[in-house]
Amino acid sequence: MKAEFAVDGLTLIGDLRVPDGAGPRPGLVFTGPFTGVRDQVTGLYAARLAERGYVTLSFDHRNWGESGGQPRRHEDPQGKLHDLRAAVSWLRSRPEVDAERVGVVGIC
């Protein structure tokens, strides 16, 4: 399902994958290499781990993909850290997720 969350006045867009069955479940936020978007490798890993029982969130960082931010296709390392913190907070707030068992997966 499509996910939307806010950070620094921007709306970030992602994909939330929730496995079937009772929860809450452990959650994972996925982030990829510079210039990457969620439809690439992070989305593939997120889908695979959702099949194995994790609630997963892959998202487009600010200025990339469907997420907000200007200038487009501009790398902002500090902004990415803010984005990751916001993604973890958002995922922890979800009822499907065990807020004490949330991690971040970086894929390069």
PDB file of N, CA and C in Angstrom:
ATOM      1  N   MET A   1       0.842  -1.165   0.000  1.00  0.00           N
ATOM      2  CA  MET A   1       0.000   0.000   0.000  1.00  0.00           C
ATOM      3  C   MET A   1       0.894   1.237   0.000  1.00  0.00           C
ATOM      4  N   LYS A   2       0.381   2.296  -0.564  1.00  0.00           N
ATOM      5  CA  LYS A   2       1.151   3.536  -0.623  1.00  0.00           C
ATOM      6  C   LYS A   2       1.230   4.156   0.770  1.00  0.00           C
ATOM      7  N   ALA A   3       2.392   4.676   1.094  1.00  0.00           N
ATOM      8  CA  ALA A   3       2.632   5.327   2.380  1.00  0.00           C
ATOM      9  C   ALA A   3       3.028   6.772   2.132  1.00  0.00           C
ATOM     10  N   GLU A   4       2.564   7.659   2.991  1.00  0.00           N
ATOM     11  CA  GLU A   4       2.941   9.074   2.946  1.00  0.00           C
ATOM     12  C   GLU A   4       3.268   9.527   4.359  1.00  0.00           C
ATOM     13  N   PHE A   5       4.383  10.233   4.509  1.00  0.00           N
ATOM     14  CA  PHE A   5       4.723  10.810   5.799  1.00  0.00           C
ATOM     15  C   PHE A   5       5.486  12.102   5.559  1.00  0.00           C
ATOM     16  N   ALA A   6       5.486  12.962   6.580  1.00  0.00           N
ATOM     17  CA  ALA A   6       6.049  14.305   6.430  1.00  0.00           C
ATOM     18  C   ALA A   6       7.368  14.437   7.180  1.00  0.00           C
ATOM     19  N   VAL A   7       8.246  15.262   6.603  1.00  0.00           N
ATOM     20  CA  VAL A   7       9.500  15.626   7.253  1.00  0.00           C
ATOM     21  C   VAL A   7       9.958  16.971   6.685  1.00  0.00           C
ATOM     22  N   ASP A   8      10.333  17.873   7.559  1.00  0.00           N
ATOM     23  CA  ASP A   8      10.851  19.183   7.141  1.00  0.00           C
ATOM     24  C   ASP A   8       9.936  19.887   6.142  1.00  0.00           C
ATOM     25  N   GLY A   9       8.629  19.744   6.311  1.00  0.00           N
ATOM     26  CA  GLY A   9       7.675  20.395   5.423  1.00  0.00           C
ATOM     27  C   GLY A   9       7.480  19.716   4.082  1.00  0.00           C
ATOM     28  N   LEU A  10       8.081  18.558   3.884  1.00  0.00           N
ATOM     29  CA  LEU A  10       7.959  17.803   2.634  1.00  0.00           C
ATOM     30  C   LEU A  10       7.136  16.546   2.871  1.00  0.00           C
ATOM     31  N   THR A  11       6.495  16.069   1.817  1.00  0.00           N
ATOM     32  CA  THR A  11       5.801  14.786   1.874  1.00  0.00           C
ATOM     33  C   THR A  11       6.651  13.751   1.172  1.00  0.00           C
ATOM     34  N   LEU A  12       6.970  12.681   1.891  1.00  0.00           N
ATOM     35  CA  LEU A  12       7.723  11.574   1.315  1.00  0.00           C
ATOM     36  C   LEU A  12       6.760  10.440   1.006  1.00  0.00           C
ATOM     37  N   ILE A  13       7.027   9.761  -0.097  1.00  0.00           N
ATOM     38  CA  ILE A  13       6.152   8.698  -0.591  1.00  0.00           C
ATOM     39  C   ILE A  13       6.902   7.382  -0.564  1.00  0.00           C
ATOM     40  N   GLY A  14       6.206   6.350  -0.133  1.00  0.00           N
ATOM     41  CA  GLY A  14       6.818   5.031  -0.089  1.00  0.00           C
ATOM     42  C   GLY A  14       5.805   3.928  -0.273  1.00  0.00           C
ATOM     43  N   ASP A  15       6.283   2.707  -0.107  1.00  0.00           N
ATOM     44  CA  ASP A  15       5.448   1.511  -0.174  1.00  0.00           C
ATOM     45  C   ASP A  15       5.541   0.793   1.161  1.00  0.00           C
ATOM     46  N   LEU A  16       4.395   0.604   1.793  1.00  0.00           N
ATOM     47  CA  LEU A  16       4.312  -0.157   3.034  1.00  0.00           C
ATOM     48  C   LEU A  16       3.803  -1.546   2.690  1.00  0.00           C
ATOM     49  N   ARG A  17       4.558  -2.550   3.106  1.00  0.00           N
ATOM     50  CA  ARG A  17       4.158  -3.938   2.871  1.00  0.00           C
ATOM     51  C   ARG A  17       3.899  -4.596   4.220  1.00  0.00           C
ATOM     52  N   VAL A  18       2.684  -5.116   4.369  1.00  0.00           N
ATOM     53  CA  VAL A  18       2.273  -5.745   5.621  1.00  0.00           C
ATOM     54  C   VAL A  18       1.941  -7.201   5.342  1.00  0.00           C
ATOM     55  N   PRO A  19       2.653  -8.133   5.978  1.00  0.00           N
ATOM     56  CA  PRO A  19       2.360  -9.545   5.753  1.00  0.00           C
ATOM     57  C   PRO A  19       0.992  -9.929   6.320  1.00  0.00           C
ATOM     58  N   ASP A  20       0.428 -10.980   5.779  1.00  0.00           N
ATOM     59  CA  ASP A  20      -0.824 -11.512   6.304  1.00  0.00           C
ATOM     60  C   ASP A  20      -0.585 -12.095   7.690  1.00  0.00           C
ATOM     61  N   GLY A  21      -1.640 -12.171   8.462  1.00  0.00           N
ATOM     62  CA  GLY A  21      -1.545 -12.794   9.776  1.00  0.00           C
ATOM     63  C   GLY A  21      -1.556 -11.777  10.896  1.00  0.00           C
ATOM     64  N   ALA A  22      -1.565 -12.313  12.097  1.00  0.00           N
ATOM     65  CA  ALA A  22      -1.653 -11.477  13.291  1.00  0.00           C
ATOM     66  C   ALA A  22      -0.363 -10.703  13.521  1.00  0.00           C
ATOM     67  N   GLY A  23      -0.500  -9.561  14.093  1.00  0.00           N
ATOM     68  CA  GLY A  23       0.646  -8.731  14.437  1.00  0.00           C
ATOM     69  C   GLY A  23       0.547  -8.344  15.889  1.00  0.00           C
ATOM     70  N   PRO A  24       1.304  -7.414  16.361  1.00  0.00           N
ATOM     71  CA  PRO A  24       2.251  -6.626  15.577  1.00  0.00           C
ATOM     72  C   PRO A  24       3.508  -7.426  15.235  1.00  0.00           C
ATOM     73  N   ARG A  25       4.172  -6.963  14.186  1.00  0.00           N
ATOM     74  CA  ARG A  25       5.348  -7.643  13.652  1.00  0.00           C
ATOM     75  C   ARG A  25       6.558  -6.706  13.674  1.00  0.00           C
ATOM     76  N   PRO A  26       7.755  -7.269  13.556  1.00  0.00           N
ATOM     77  CA  PRO A  26       8.932  -6.402  13.444  1.00  0.00           C
ATOM     78  C   PRO A  26       8.886  -5.605  12.142  1.00  0.00           C
ATOM     79  N   GLY A  27       9.466  -4.420  12.163  1.00  0.00           N
ATOM     80  CA  GLY A  27       9.456  -3.555  10.991  1.00  0.00           C
ATOM     81  C   GLY A  27      10.854  -3.224  10.505  1.00  0.00           C
ATOM     82  N   LEU A  28      10.956  -2.998   9.197  1.00  0.00           N
ATOM     83  CA  LEU A  28      12.223  -2.619   8.575  1.00  0.00           C
ATOM     84  C   LEU A  28      12.002  -1.456   7.619  1.00  0.00           C
ATOM     85  N   VAL A  29      12.856  -0.445   7.724  1.00  0.00           N
ATOM     86  CA  VAL A  29      12.890   0.672   6.776  1.00  0.00           C
ATOM     87  C   VAL A  29      14.076   0.435   5.854  1.00  0.00           C
ATOM     88  N   PHE A  30      13.858   0.600   4.559  1.00  0.00           N
ATOM     89  CA  PHE A  30      14.907   0.365   3.566  1.00  0.00           C
ATOM     90  C   PHE A  30      15.358   1.676   2.944  1.00  0.00           C
ATOM     91  N   THR A  31      16.670   1.820   2.819  1.00  0.00           N
ATOM     92  CA  THR A  31      17.252   2.963   2.123  1.00  0.00           C
ATOM     93  C   THR A  31      18.313   2.448   1.160  1.00  0.00           C
ATOM     94  N   GLY A  32      18.438   3.129   0.046  1.00  0.00           N
ATOM     95  CA  GLY A  32      19.353   2.664  -0.987  1.00  0.00           C
ATOM     96  C   GLY A  32      20.493   3.620  -1.251  1.00  0.00           C
ATOM     97  N   PRO A  33      21.199   3.386  -2.331  1.00  0.00           N
ATOM     98  CA  PRO A  33      22.348   4.213  -2.683  1.00  0.00           C
ATOM     99  C   PRO A  33      21.912   5.603  -3.150  1.00  0.00           C
ATOM    100  N   PHE A  34      22.878   6.499  -3.210  1.00  0.00           N
ATOM    101  CA  PHE A  34      22.590   7.817  -3.772  1.00  0.00           C
ATOM    102  C   PHE A  34      21.985   7.649  -5.154  1.00  0.00           C
ATOM    103  N   THR A  35      21.096   8.511  -5.493  1.00  0.00           N
ATOM    104  CA  THR A  35      20.351   8.558  -6.762  1.00  0.00           C
ATOM    105  C   THR A  35      19.379   7.396  -6.919  1.00  0.00           C
ATOM    106  N   GLY A  36      19.171   6.601  -5.891  1.00  0.00           N
ATOM    107  CA  GLY A  36      18.252   5.469  -5.990  1.00  0.00           C
ATOM    108  C   GLY A  36      16.833   5.855  -5.615  1.00  0.00           C
ATOM    109  N   VAL A  37      15.878   5.126  -6.177  1.00  0.00           N
ATOM    110  CA  VAL A  37      14.468   5.275  -5.825  1.00  0.00           C
ATOM    111  C   VAL A  37      13.927   3.913  -5.397  1.00  0.00           C
ATOM    112  N   ARG A  38      12.775   3.932  -4.759  1.00  0.00           N
ATOM    113  CA  ARG A  38      12.240   2.718  -4.144  1.00  0.00           C
ATOM    114  C   ARG A  38      11.861   1.630  -5.138  1.00  0.00           C
ATOM    115  N   ASP A  39      11.652   1.983  -6.392  1.00  0.00           N
ATOM    116  CA  ASP A  39      11.300   0.978  -7.399  1.00  0.00           C
ATOM    117  C   ASP A  39      12.499   0.152  -7.825  1.00  0.00           C
ATOM    118  N   GLN A  40      13.655   0.516  -7.343  1.00  0.00           N
ATOM    119  CA  GLN A  40      14.862  -0.230  -7.688  1.00  0.00           C
ATOM    120  C   GLN A  40      15.127  -1.276  -6.608  1.00  0.00           C
ATOM    121  N   VAL A  41      16.331  -1.441  -6.206  1.00  0.00           N
ATOM    122  CA  VAL A  41      16.731  -2.552  -5.341  1.00  0.00           C
ATOM    123  C   VAL A  41      16.062  -2.529  -3.960  1.00  0.00           C
ATOM    124  N   THR A  42      15.833  -1.363  -3.366  1.00  0.00           N
ATOM    125  CA  THR A  42      15.238  -1.355  -2.025  1.00  0.00           C
ATOM    126  C   THR A  42      13.845  -1.955  -2.029  1.00  0.00           C
ATOM    127  N   GLY A  43      13.080  -1.676  -3.062  1.00  0.00           N
ATOM    128  CA  GLY A  43      11.742  -2.249  -3.161  1.00  0.00           C
ATOM    129  C   GLY A  43      11.763  -3.761  -3.291  1.00  0.00           C
ATOM    130  N   LEU A  44      12.747  -4.279  -4.011  1.00  0.00           N
ATOM    131  CA  LEU A  44      12.863  -5.734  -4.169  1.00  0.00           C
ATOM    132  C   LEU A  44      13.170  -6.409  -2.833  1.00  0.00           C
ATOM    133  N   TYR A  45      14.132  -5.867  -2.096  1.00  0.00           N
ATOM    134  CA  TYR A  45      14.463  -6.440  -0.789  1.00  0.00           C
ATOM    135  C   TYR A  45      13.294  -6.299   0.180  1.00  0.00           C
ATOM    136  N   ALA A  46      12.626  -5.162   0.150  1.00  0.00           N
ATOM    137  CA  ALA A  46      11.486  -4.949   1.043  1.00  0.00           C
ATOM    138  C   ALA A  46      10.383  -5.964   0.765  1.00  0.00           C
ATOM    139  N   ALA A  47      10.124  -6.239  -0.501  1.00  0.00           N
ATOM    140  CA  ALA A  47       9.093  -7.223  -0.856  1.00  0.00           C
ATOM    141  C   ALA A  47       9.474  -8.614  -0.358  1.00  0.00           C
ATOM    142  N   ARG A  48      10.728  -8.987  -0.528  1.00  0.00           N
ATOM    143  CA  ARG A  48      11.176 -10.323  -0.096  1.00  0.00           C
ATOM    144  C   ARG A  48      11.079 -10.492   1.419  1.00  0.00           C
ATOM    145  N   LEU A  49      11.475  -9.471   2.151  1.00  0.00           N
ATOM    146  CA  LEU A  49      11.428  -9.600   3.609  1.00  0.00           C
ATOM    147  C   LEU A  49      10.005  -9.499   4.148  1.00  0.00           C
ATOM    148  N   ALA A  50       9.122  -8.811   3.441  1.00  0.00           N
ATOM    149  CA  ALA A  50       7.708  -8.814   3.827  1.00  0.00           C
ATOM    150  C   ALA A  50       7.130 -10.222   3.683  1.00  0.00           C
ATOM    151  N   GLU A  51       7.575 -10.948   2.667  1.00  0.00           N
ATOM    152  CA  GLU A  51       7.134 -12.341   2.494  1.00  0.00           C
ATOM    153  C   GLU A  51       7.591 -13.208   3.663  1.00  0.00           C
ATOM    154  N   ARG A  52       8.605 -12.775   4.367  1.00  0.00           N
ATOM    155  CA  ARG A  52       9.157 -13.542   5.489  1.00  0.00           C
ATOM    156  C   ARG A  52       8.686 -13.024   6.853  1.00  0.00           C
ATOM    157  N   GLY A  53       7.670 -12.167   6.831  1.00  0.00           N
ATOM    158  CA  GLY A  53       7.033 -11.784   8.087  1.00  0.00           C
ATOM    159  C   GLY A  53       7.324 -10.409   8.634  1.00  0.00           C
ATOM    160  N   TYR A  54       8.108  -9.605   7.940  1.00  0.00           N
ATOM    161  CA  TYR A  54       8.399  -8.248   8.397  1.00  0.00           C
ATOM    162  C   TYR A  54       7.443  -7.251   7.750  1.00  0.00           C
ATOM    163  N   VAL A  55       7.079  -6.212   8.500  1.00  0.00           N
ATOM    164  CA  VAL A  55       6.418  -5.055   7.897  1.00  0.00           C
ATOM    165  C   VAL A  55       7.541  -4.199   7.334  1.00  0.00           C
ATOM    166  N   THR A  56       7.475  -3.866   6.048  1.00  0.00           N
ATOM    167  CA  THR A  56       8.582  -3.139   5.426  1.00  0.00           C
ATOM    168  C   THR A  56       8.120  -1.818   4.826  1.00  0.00           C
ATOM    169  N   LEU A  57       9.019  -0.857   4.854  1.00  0.00           N
ATOM    170  CA  LEU A  57       8.797   0.451   4.240  1.00  0.00           C
ATOM    171  C   LEU A  57       9.989   0.778   3.361  1.00  0.00           C
ATOM    172  N   SER A  58       9.742   0.890   2.070  1.00  0.00           N
ATOM    173  CA  SER A  58      10.739   1.442   1.148  1.00  0.00           C
ATOM    174  C   SER A  58      10.157   2.767   0.667  1.00  0.00           C
ATOM    175  N   PHE A  59      11.002   3.773   0.524  1.00  0.00           N
ATOM    176  CA  PHE A  59      10.475   5.094   0.181  1.00  0.00           C
ATOM    177  C   PHE A  59      11.478   5.860  -0.668  1.00  0.00           C
ATOM    178  N   ASP A  60      10.965   6.891  -1.323  1.00  0.00           N
ATOM    179  CA  ASP A  60      11.808   7.801  -2.093  1.00  0.00           C
ATOM    180  C   ASP A  60      12.246   8.938  -1.167  1.00  0.00           C
ATOM    181  N   HIS A  61      13.551   9.153  -1.085  1.00  0.00           N
ATOM    182  CA  HIS A  61      14.054  10.271  -0.291  1.00  0.00           C
ATOM    183  C   HIS A  61      13.645  11.593  -0.937  1.00  0.00           C
ATOM    184  N   ARG A  62      13.748  12.656  -0.166  1.00  0.00           N
ATOM    185  CA  ARG A  62      13.424  13.995  -0.672  1.00  0.00           C
ATOM    186  C   ARG A  62      14.153  14.258  -1.997  1.00  0.00           C
ATOM    187  N   ASN A  63      13.473  14.953  -2.865  1.00  0.00           N
ATOM    188  CA  ASN A  63      13.993  15.367  -4.180  1.00  0.00           C
ATOM    189  C   ASN A  63      14.038  14.234  -5.206  1.00  0.00           C
ATOM    190  N   TRP A  64      13.595  13.043  -4.849  1.00  0.00           N
ATOM    191  CA  TRP A  64      13.693  11.882  -5.738  1.00  0.00           C
ATOM    192  C   TRP A  64      12.352  11.177  -5.869  1.00  0.00           C
ATOM    193  N   GLY A  65      12.152  10.535  -7.008  1.00  0.00           N
ATOM    194  CA  GLY A  65      10.951   9.728  -7.221  1.00  0.00           C
ATOM    195  C   GLY A  65       9.684  10.532  -7.025  1.00  0.00           C
ATOM    196  N   GLU A  66       8.743   9.950  -6.276  1.00  0.00           N
ATOM    197  CA  GLU A  66       7.454  10.603  -6.035  1.00  0.00           C
ATOM    198  C   GLU A  66       7.470  11.552  -4.843  1.00  0.00           C
ATOM    199  N   SER A  67       8.540  11.561  -4.075  1.00  0.00           N
ATOM    200  CA  SER A  67       8.595  12.419  -2.887  1.00  0.00           C
ATOM    201  C   SER A  67       8.818  13.875  -3.267  1.00  0.00           C
ATOM    202  N   GLY A  68       8.421  14.756  -2.350  1.00  0.00           N
ATOM    203  CA  GLY A  68       8.568  16.180  -2.587  1.00  0.00           C
ATOM    204  C   GLY A  68      10.002  16.648  -2.403  1.00  0.00           C
ATOM    205  N   GLY A  69      10.217  17.905  -2.777  1.00  0.00           N
ATOM    206  CA  GLY A  69      11.521  18.526  -2.582  1.00  0.00           C
ATOM    207  C   GLY A  69      12.091  19.091  -3.859  1.00  0.00           C
ATOM    208  N   GLN A  70      12.816  20.189  -3.689  1.00  0.00           N
ATOM    209  CA  GLN A  70      13.472  20.872  -4.802  1.00  0.00           C
ATOM    210  C   GLN A  70      14.904  21.188  -4.389  1.00  0.00           C
ATOM    211  N   PRO A  71      15.817  21.232  -5.318  1.00  0.00           N
ATOM    212  CA  PRO A  71      15.660  20.887  -6.734  1.00  0.00           C
ATOM    213  C   PRO A  71      15.551  19.373  -6.913  1.00  0.00           C
ATOM    214  N   ARG A  72      14.889  18.971  -7.955  1.00  0.00           N
ATOM    215  CA  ARG A  72      14.702  17.554  -8.243  1.00  0.00           C
ATOM    216  C   ARG A  72      16.052  16.904  -8.527  1.00  0.00           C
ATOM    217  N   ARG A  73      16.144  15.648  -8.136  1.00  0.00           N
ATOM    218  CA  ARG A  73      17.327  14.817  -8.365  1.00  0.00           C
ATOM    219  C   ARG A  73      18.593  15.425  -7.749  1.00  0.00           C
ATOM    220  N   HIS A  74      18.393  16.081  -6.616  1.00  0.00           N
ATOM    221  CA  HIS A  74      19.510  16.677  -5.876  1.00  0.00           C
ATOM    222  C   HIS A  74      19.775  15.829  -4.636  1.00  0.00           C
ATOM    223  N   GLU A  75      21.015  15.399  -4.456  1.00  0.00           N
ATOM    224  CA  GLU A  75      21.385  14.615  -3.277  1.00  0.00           C
ATOM    225  C   GLU A  75      21.603  15.541  -2.089  1.00  0.00           C
ATOM    226  N   ASP A  76      20.988  15.196  -0.971  1.00  0.00           N
ATOM    227  CA  ASP A  76      21.070  15.983   0.253  1.00  0.00           C
ATOM    228  C   ASP A  76      21.360  15.015   1.407  1.00  0.00           C
ATOM    229  N   PRO A  77      22.639  14.741   1.692  1.00  0.00           N
ATOM    230  CA  PRO A  77      22.967  13.746   2.719  1.00  0.00           C
ATOM    231  C   PRO A  77      22.346  14.042   4.090  1.00  0.00           C
ATOM    232  N   GLN A  78      22.387  15.290   4.535  1.00  0.00           N
ATOM    233  CA  GLN A  78      21.775  15.625   5.824  1.00  0.00           C
ATOM    234  C   GLN A  78      20.268  15.438   5.765  1.00  0.00           C
ATOM    235  N   GLY A  79      19.678  15.823   4.642  1.00  0.00           N
ATOM    236  CA  GLY A  79      18.242  15.627   4.466  1.00  0.00           C
ATOM    237  C   GLY A  79      17.864  14.157   4.503  1.00  0.00           C
ATOM    238  N   LYS A  80      18.714  13.311   3.929  1.00  0.00           N
ATOM    239  CA  LYS A  80      18.438  11.870   3.949  1.00  0.00           C
ATOM    240  C   LYS A  80      18.417  11.334   5.379  1.00  0.00           C
ATOM    241  N   LEU A  81      19.284  11.851   6.231  1.00  0.00           N
ATOM    242  CA  LEU A  81      19.252  11.429   7.634  1.00  0.00           C
ATOM    243  C   LEU A  81      17.934  11.826   8.287  1.00  0.00           C
ATOM    244  N   HIS A  82      17.457  13.035   7.996  1.00  0.00           N
ATOM    245  CA  HIS A  82      16.157  13.468   8.516  1.00  0.00           C
ATOM    246  C   HIS A  82      15.060  12.552   7.982  1.00  0.00           C
ATOM    247  N   ASP A  83      15.155  12.219   6.693  1.00  0.00           N
ATOM    248  CA  ASP A  83      14.151  11.345   6.078  1.00  0.00           C
ATOM    249  C   ASP A  83      14.113   9.985   6.764  1.00  0.00           C
ATOM    250  N   LEU A  84      15.286   9.424   7.031  1.00  0.00           N
ATOM    251  CA  LEU A  84      15.351   8.108   7.682  1.00  0.00           C
ATOM    252  C   LEU A  84      14.771   8.156   9.091  1.00  0.00           C
ATOM    253  N   ARG A  85      15.087   9.199   9.829  1.00  0.00           N
ATOM    254  CA  ARG A  85      14.518   9.316  11.181  1.00  0.00           C
ATOM    255  C   ARG A  85      12.991   9.405  11.116  1.00  0.00           C
ATOM    256  N   ALA A  86      12.493  10.188  10.173  1.00  0.00           N
ATOM    257  CA  ALA A  86      11.041  10.327  10.030  1.00  0.00           C
ATOM    258  C   ALA A  86      10.406   9.008   9.602  1.00  0.00           C
ATOM    259  N   ALA A  87      11.072   8.269   8.720  1.00  0.00           N
ATOM    260  CA  ALA A  87      10.543   6.979   8.263  1.00  0.00           C
ATOM    261  C   ALA A  87      10.460   5.990   9.420  1.00  0.00           C
ATOM    262  N   VAL A  88      11.495   5.943  10.248  1.00  0.00           N
ATOM    263  CA  VAL A  88      11.486   5.041  11.409  1.00  0.00           C
ATOM    264  C   VAL A  88      10.372   5.444  12.376  1.00  0.00           C
ATOM    265  N   SER A  89      10.242   6.725  12.653  1.00  0.00           N
ATOM    266  CA  SER A  89       9.180   7.192  13.557  1.00  0.00           C
ATOM    267  C   SER A  89       7.807   6.843  13.016  1.00  0.00           C
ATOM    268  N   TRP A  90       7.614   7.060  11.725  1.00  0.00           N
ATOM    269  CA  TRP A  90       6.319   6.758  11.110  1.00  0.00           C
ATOM    270  C   TRP A  90       6.028   5.267  11.191  1.00  0.00           C
ATOM    271  N   LEU A  91       7.012   4.433  10.860  1.00  0.00           N
ATOM    272  CA  LEU A  91       6.796   2.985  10.893  1.00  0.00           C
ATOM    273  C   LEU A  91       6.506   2.525  12.324  1.00  0.00           C
ATOM    274  N   ARG A  92       7.213   3.077  13.291  1.00  0.00           N
ATOM    275  CA  ARG A  92       6.979   2.701  14.693  1.00  0.00           C
ATOM    276  C   ARG A  92       5.576   3.071  15.155  1.00  0.00           C
ATOM    277  N   SER A  93       4.960   4.068  14.533  1.00  0.00           N
ATOM    278  CA  SER A  93       3.617   4.504  14.933  1.00  0.00           C
ATOM    279  C   SER A  93       2.508   3.627  14.361  1.00  0.00           C
ATOM    280  N   ARG A  94       2.848   2.756  13.444  1.00  0.00           N
ATOM    281  CA  ARG A  94       1.838   1.922  12.780  1.00  0.00           C
ATOM    282  C   ARG A  94       1.360   0.801  13.707  1.00  0.00           C
ATOM    283  N   PRO A  95       0.047   0.522  13.727  1.00  0.00           N
ATOM    284  CA  PRO A  95      -0.465  -0.533  14.609  1.00  0.00           C
ATOM    285  C   PRO A  95       0.014  -1.931  14.229  1.00  0.00           C
ATOM    286  N   GLU A  96       0.418  -2.123  12.980  1.00  0.00           N
ATOM    287  CA  GLU A  96       0.878  -3.440  12.524  1.00  0.00           C
ATOM    288  C   GLU A  96       2.290  -3.759  13.000  1.00  0.00           C
ATOM    289  N   VAL A  97       2.977  -2.753  13.552  1.00  0.00           N
ATOM    290  CA  VAL A  97       4.410  -2.862  13.851  1.00  0.00           C
ATOM    291  C   VAL A  97       4.656  -2.909  15.356  1.00  0.00           C
ATOM    292  N   ASP A  98       5.547  -3.796  15.759  1.00  0.00           N
ATOM    293  CA  ASP A  98       6.055  -3.821  17.129  1.00  0.00           C
ATOM    294  C   ASP A  98       7.109  -2.712  17.216  1.00  0.00           C
ATOM    295  N   ALA A  99       6.761  -1.619  17.865  1.00  0.00           N
ATOM    296  CA  ALA A  99       7.617  -0.422  17.885  1.00  0.00           C
ATOM    297  C   ALA A  99       8.975  -0.667  18.529  1.00  0.00           C
ATOM    298  N   GLU A 100       9.109  -1.721  19.302  1.00  0.00           N
ATOM    299  CA  GLU A 100      10.386  -2.041  19.937  1.00  0.00           C
ATOM    300  C   GLU A 100      11.291  -2.876  19.035  1.00  0.00           C
ATOM    301  N   ARG A 101      10.770  -3.280  17.878  1.00  0.00           N
ATOM    302  CA  ARG A 101      11.561  -4.118  16.964  1.00  0.00           C
ATOM    303  C   ARG A 101      11.523  -3.520  15.557  1.00  0.00           C
ATOM    304  N   VAL A 102      12.170  -2.371  15.401  1.00  0.00           N
ATOM    305  CA  VAL A 102      12.247  -1.684  14.109  1.00  0.00           C
ATOM    306  C   VAL A 102      13.715  -1.447  13.781  1.00  0.00           C
ATOM    307  N   GLY A 103      14.090  -1.746  12.548  1.00  0.00           N
ATOM    308  CA  GLY A 103      15.461  -1.540  12.108  1.00  0.00           C
ATOM    309  C   GLY A 103      15.517  -0.847  10.765  1.00  0.00           C
ATOM    310  N   VAL A 104      16.723  -0.483  10.362  1.00  0.00           N
ATOM    311  CA  VAL A 104      16.966   0.157   9.071  1.00  0.00           C
ATOM    312  C   VAL A 104      17.935  -0.715   8.293  1.00  0.00           C
ATOM    313  N   VAL A 105      17.625  -0.928   7.019  1.00  0.00           N
ATOM    314  CA  VAL A 105      18.476  -1.716   6.131  1.00  0.00           C
ATOM    315  C   VAL A 105      18.995  -0.790   5.042  1.00  0.00           C
ATOM    316  N   GLY A 106      20.309  -0.643   4.960  1.00  0.00           N
ATOM    317  CA  GLY A 106      20.926   0.151   3.902  1.00  0.00           C
ATOM    318  C   GLY A 106      21.482  -0.763   2.829  1.00  0.00           C
ATOM    319  N   ILE A 107      21.105  -0.501   1.595  1.00  0.00           N
ATOM    320  CA  ILE A 107      21.528  -1.339   0.471  1.00  0.00           C
ATOM    321  C   ILE A 107      22.292  -0.473  -0.509  1.00  0.00           C
ATOM    322  N   CYS A 108      23.443  -0.950  -0.921  1.00  0.00           N
ATOM    323  CA  CYS A 108      24.261  -0.188  -1.850  1.00  0.00           C
ATOM    324  C   CYS A 108      24.486  -0.972  -3.126  1.00  0.00           C
TER     325      CYS A 108
END
